[in-house]
N, C-alpha and C. Protein backbone atom coordinates (compact mmCIF):
# COMPACT_ATOMS: atom_id res chain seq x y z
N MET A 1 -21.11 11.67 61.35
CA MET A 1 -22.17 10.73 61.01
C MET A 1 -23.32 11.51 60.35
N LYS A 2 -23.76 11.00 59.20
CA LYS A 2 -24.90 11.60 58.50
C LYS A 2 -26.12 10.71 58.66
N ILE A 3 -27.27 11.36 58.73
CA ILE A 3 -28.54 10.67 58.91
C ILE A 3 -29.39 10.87 57.65
N CYS A 4 -30.03 9.80 57.19
CA CYS A 4 -30.90 9.84 56.02
C CYS A 4 -32.08 10.77 56.31
N VAL A 5 -32.36 11.67 55.37
CA VAL A 5 -33.47 12.62 55.55
C VAL A 5 -34.84 11.96 55.37
N LYS A 6 -34.87 10.75 54.82
CA LYS A 6 -36.15 10.08 54.59
C LYS A 6 -36.52 9.09 55.68
N CYS A 7 -35.54 8.32 56.17
CA CYS A 7 -35.86 7.26 57.14
C CYS A 7 -35.21 7.46 58.50
N ASP A 8 -34.37 8.48 58.63
CA ASP A 8 -33.67 8.78 59.89
C ASP A 8 -32.68 7.71 60.33
N ARG A 9 -32.24 6.85 59.40
CA ARG A 9 -31.20 5.87 59.71
C ARG A 9 -29.83 6.46 59.36
N LYS A 10 -28.79 5.89 59.97
CA LYS A 10 -27.43 6.33 59.69
C LYS A 10 -27.05 5.96 58.25
N ILE A 11 -26.42 6.90 57.54
CA ILE A 11 -25.91 6.64 56.19
C ILE A 11 -24.53 6.03 56.35
N PRO A 12 -24.28 4.86 55.73
CA PRO A 12 -22.97 4.20 55.88
C PRO A 12 -21.81 5.12 55.46
N GLU A 13 -20.72 5.02 56.21
CA GLU A 13 -19.55 5.86 55.94
C GLU A 13 -19.02 5.70 54.51
N ALA A 14 -19.05 4.47 53.99
CA ALA A 14 -18.56 4.24 52.62
C ALA A 14 -19.38 5.05 51.61
N ARG A 15 -20.69 5.15 51.82
CA ARG A 15 -21.55 5.93 50.93
C ARG A 15 -21.23 7.43 51.06
N VAL A 16 -21.03 7.88 52.27
CA VAL A 16 -20.71 9.30 52.50
C VAL A 16 -19.36 9.65 51.87
N GLU A 17 -18.40 8.74 51.96
CA GLU A 17 -17.09 8.99 51.36
C GLU A 17 -17.20 9.03 49.84
N ALA A 18 -17.99 8.14 49.26
CA ALA A 18 -18.14 8.11 47.80
C ALA A 18 -19.01 9.25 47.29
N LEU A 19 -20.01 9.63 48.06
CA LEU A 19 -20.96 10.68 47.67
C LEU A 19 -21.14 11.66 48.82
N PRO A 20 -20.18 12.55 49.04
CA PRO A 20 -20.24 13.45 50.21
C PRO A 20 -21.50 14.32 50.27
N ASN A 21 -22.13 14.58 49.16
CA ASN A 21 -23.31 15.43 49.16
C ASN A 21 -24.61 14.65 49.33
N THR A 22 -24.53 13.34 49.51
CA THR A 22 -25.74 12.54 49.65
C THR A 22 -26.47 12.87 50.94
N ASN A 23 -27.79 12.75 50.89
CA ASN A 23 -28.57 12.96 52.11
C ASN A 23 -29.56 11.82 52.32
N THR A 24 -29.38 10.71 51.56
CA THR A 24 -30.24 9.55 51.72
C THR A 24 -29.37 8.28 51.81
N CYS A 25 -29.92 7.28 52.49
CA CYS A 25 -29.24 5.99 52.58
C CYS A 25 -29.43 5.23 51.27
N VAL A 26 -28.77 4.10 51.13
CA VAL A 26 -28.84 3.31 49.91
C VAL A 26 -30.27 2.87 49.64
N GLU A 27 -30.95 2.35 50.65
CA GLU A 27 -32.32 1.86 50.46
C GLU A 27 -33.26 2.97 49.99
N CYS A 28 -33.19 4.14 50.60
CA CYS A 28 -34.07 5.24 50.20
C CYS A 28 -33.71 5.76 48.82
N SER A 29 -32.43 5.74 48.46
CA SER A 29 -32.04 6.22 47.14
C SER A 29 -32.51 5.28 46.05
N LYS A 30 -32.70 3.99 46.37
CA LYS A 30 -33.21 3.03 45.39
C LYS A 30 -34.66 3.35 45.01
N ASN A 31 -35.36 4.03 45.89
CA ASN A 31 -36.75 4.40 45.62
C ASN A 31 -36.87 5.66 44.79
N GLU A 32 -35.75 6.22 44.36
CA GLU A 32 -35.73 7.43 43.56
C GLU A 32 -35.04 7.17 42.23
N PRO A 33 -35.65 6.41 41.31
CA PRO A 33 -34.99 6.09 40.05
C PRO A 33 -34.74 7.30 39.16
N ASP A 34 -35.47 8.39 39.37
CA ASP A 34 -35.29 9.58 38.55
C ASP A 34 -34.08 10.39 38.96
N VAL A 35 -33.47 10.06 40.08
CA VAL A 35 -32.34 10.83 40.58
C VAL A 35 -31.10 9.94 40.55
N PRO A 36 -30.35 9.97 39.45
CA PRO A 36 -29.17 9.12 39.38
C PRO A 36 -28.10 9.60 40.35
N PRO A 37 -27.35 8.69 40.93
CA PRO A 37 -26.27 9.12 41.81
C PRO A 37 -25.22 9.89 41.03
N THR A 38 -24.64 10.85 41.65
CA THR A 38 -23.62 11.65 40.98
C THR A 38 -22.35 11.67 41.82
N HIS A 39 -21.26 11.82 41.14
CA HIS A 39 -19.98 12.02 41.80
C HIS A 39 -19.95 13.50 42.18
N PRO A 40 -19.39 13.88 43.28
CA PRO A 40 -19.48 15.27 43.73
C PRO A 40 -18.82 16.31 42.83
N ARG A 41 -17.70 16.00 42.19
CA ARG A 41 -17.01 17.02 41.40
C ARG A 41 -16.40 16.45 40.12
N PRO A 42 -16.45 17.24 39.04
CA PRO A 42 -15.74 16.82 37.82
C PRO A 42 -14.23 16.93 38.04
N PRO A 43 -13.44 16.24 37.24
CA PRO A 43 -11.98 16.35 37.36
C PRO A 43 -11.52 17.80 37.14
N LYS A 44 -10.44 18.15 37.79
CA LYS A 44 -9.88 19.49 37.65
C LYS A 44 -9.60 19.81 36.19
N GLY A 45 -10.01 20.99 35.75
CA GLY A 45 -9.82 21.40 34.37
C GLY A 45 -10.94 20.96 33.44
N ARG A 46 -11.90 20.18 33.94
CA ARG A 46 -13.01 19.69 33.12
C ARG A 46 -14.36 20.16 33.70
N GLU A 47 -14.36 21.32 34.37
CA GLU A 47 -15.56 21.80 35.05
C GLU A 47 -16.59 22.43 34.11
N LYS A 48 -16.20 22.77 32.89
CA LYS A 48 -17.10 23.42 31.94
C LYS A 48 -17.27 22.59 30.68
N CYS A 49 -18.48 22.56 30.13
CA CYS A 49 -18.76 21.86 28.89
C CYS A 49 -18.01 22.55 27.75
N PRO A 50 -17.26 21.80 26.94
CA PRO A 50 -16.50 22.43 25.85
C PRO A 50 -17.39 22.94 24.72
N LYS A 51 -18.65 22.52 24.69
CA LYS A 51 -19.54 22.95 23.62
C LYS A 51 -20.37 24.18 23.98
N CYS A 52 -20.82 24.28 25.26
CA CYS A 52 -21.69 25.41 25.61
C CYS A 52 -21.21 26.22 26.80
N GLY A 53 -20.20 25.72 27.54
CA GLY A 53 -19.67 26.45 28.69
C GLY A 53 -20.45 26.22 29.97
N HIS A 54 -21.53 25.44 29.93
CA HIS A 54 -22.29 25.12 31.14
C HIS A 54 -21.44 24.22 32.02
N SER A 55 -21.71 24.18 33.31
CA SER A 55 -20.92 23.31 34.19
C SER A 55 -21.14 21.84 33.84
N THR A 56 -20.13 21.03 34.11
CA THR A 56 -20.22 19.60 33.85
C THR A 56 -20.62 18.86 35.11
N GLU A 57 -21.06 17.63 34.95
CA GLU A 57 -21.43 16.79 36.07
C GLU A 57 -20.88 15.39 35.84
N VAL A 58 -20.55 14.71 36.92
CA VAL A 58 -20.16 13.32 36.84
C VAL A 58 -21.38 12.51 37.26
N ARG A 59 -21.80 11.59 36.41
CA ARG A 59 -22.97 10.77 36.69
C ARG A 59 -22.60 9.30 36.63
N PHE A 60 -23.49 8.46 37.14
CA PHE A 60 -23.25 7.03 37.15
C PHE A 60 -24.24 6.34 36.22
N SER A 61 -23.74 5.49 35.34
CA SER A 61 -24.59 4.73 34.43
C SER A 61 -24.95 3.39 35.07
N GLU A 62 -26.22 3.21 35.38
CA GLU A 62 -26.68 1.93 35.91
C GLU A 62 -26.46 0.83 34.87
N LYS A 63 -26.67 1.16 33.60
CA LYS A 63 -26.56 0.18 32.53
C LYS A 63 -25.13 -0.37 32.40
N TYR A 64 -24.14 0.54 32.43
CA TYR A 64 -22.75 0.13 32.23
C TYR A 64 -21.95 0.01 33.52
N GLY A 65 -22.52 0.46 34.63
CA GLY A 65 -21.83 0.36 35.91
C GLY A 65 -20.59 1.23 36.00
N LYS A 66 -20.58 2.37 35.30
CA LYS A 66 -19.42 3.27 35.29
C LYS A 66 -19.87 4.71 35.46
N TYR A 67 -18.94 5.54 35.94
CA TYR A 67 -19.18 6.97 36.01
C TYR A 67 -18.85 7.59 34.66
N PHE A 68 -19.53 8.68 34.32
CA PHE A 68 -19.21 9.41 33.10
C PHE A 68 -19.39 10.90 33.34
N LEU A 69 -18.67 11.69 32.57
CA LEU A 69 -18.70 13.14 32.67
C LEU A 69 -19.57 13.67 31.55
N THR A 70 -20.47 14.59 31.88
CA THR A 70 -21.39 15.12 30.87
C THR A 70 -21.73 16.58 31.15
N CYS A 71 -22.29 17.25 30.17
CA CYS A 71 -22.77 18.62 30.33
C CYS A 71 -23.87 18.61 31.40
N GLY A 72 -23.89 19.63 32.24
CA GLY A 72 -24.90 19.73 33.28
C GLY A 72 -26.31 19.86 32.74
N LYS A 73 -26.45 20.19 31.47
CA LYS A 73 -27.78 20.30 30.85
C LYS A 73 -28.28 18.96 30.33
N TRP A 74 -27.43 17.92 30.39
CA TRP A 74 -27.83 16.61 29.91
C TRP A 74 -28.93 16.06 30.78
N PRO A 75 -29.96 15.40 30.29
CA PRO A 75 -30.18 14.98 28.91
C PRO A 75 -30.95 15.99 28.07
N ALA A 76 -31.33 17.12 28.66
CA ALA A 76 -32.11 18.11 27.93
C ALA A 76 -31.31 18.81 26.83
N ALA A 77 -30.00 18.89 26.99
CA ALA A 77 -29.16 19.58 26.00
C ALA A 77 -29.16 18.80 24.69
N SER A 78 -29.39 19.50 23.61
CA SER A 78 -29.39 18.82 22.31
C SER A 78 -27.97 18.44 21.89
N HIS A 79 -26.98 19.02 22.51
CA HIS A 79 -25.58 18.74 22.16
C HIS A 79 -24.91 17.83 23.18
N TRP A 80 -25.70 17.13 23.98
CA TRP A 80 -25.09 16.34 25.07
C TRP A 80 -23.98 15.45 24.56
N SER A 81 -22.99 15.32 25.37
CA SER A 81 -21.85 14.48 25.05
C SER A 81 -21.31 13.86 26.33
N THR A 82 -20.57 12.81 26.19
CA THR A 82 -19.86 12.28 27.34
C THR A 82 -18.39 12.27 27.01
N TRP A 83 -17.57 12.41 28.03
CA TRP A 83 -16.13 12.45 27.85
C TRP A 83 -15.52 11.43 28.78
N ASN A 84 -14.51 10.76 28.31
CA ASN A 84 -13.79 9.82 29.17
C ASN A 84 -12.99 10.60 30.19
N PHE A 85 -12.88 10.06 31.37
CA PHE A 85 -12.06 10.68 32.40
C PHE A 85 -11.56 9.63 33.35
N LYS A 86 -10.52 9.97 34.09
CA LYS A 86 -9.98 9.06 35.10
C LYS A 86 -9.91 9.77 36.41
C-alpha cells in the first residue's frame, strides 16, 4: 500500500499498477498541471532518442488521451519528436 505524500491518503492500487513510481493520489496529481503523468519505462529497445542519444520517456497527452514516447529533453529539445509504440 502506498500513501500520498501530499494528503496522506491511500493511493488506489490501479494507479500504483499503472504508475509504479507515483507518490501522489489522483486528486493531488490534478493540482499539478505542470507535471504530466508518465509511464514508468519506454519499450525495450527504445530507451534512447535516435536523434541525440538522450534517454526517452513515455508521457500522456491530456489532449489526445494517449501515451506517447519522446526524447527526455522534450519540450526543451529543439529536435523533439514522438514515436509510435505499442
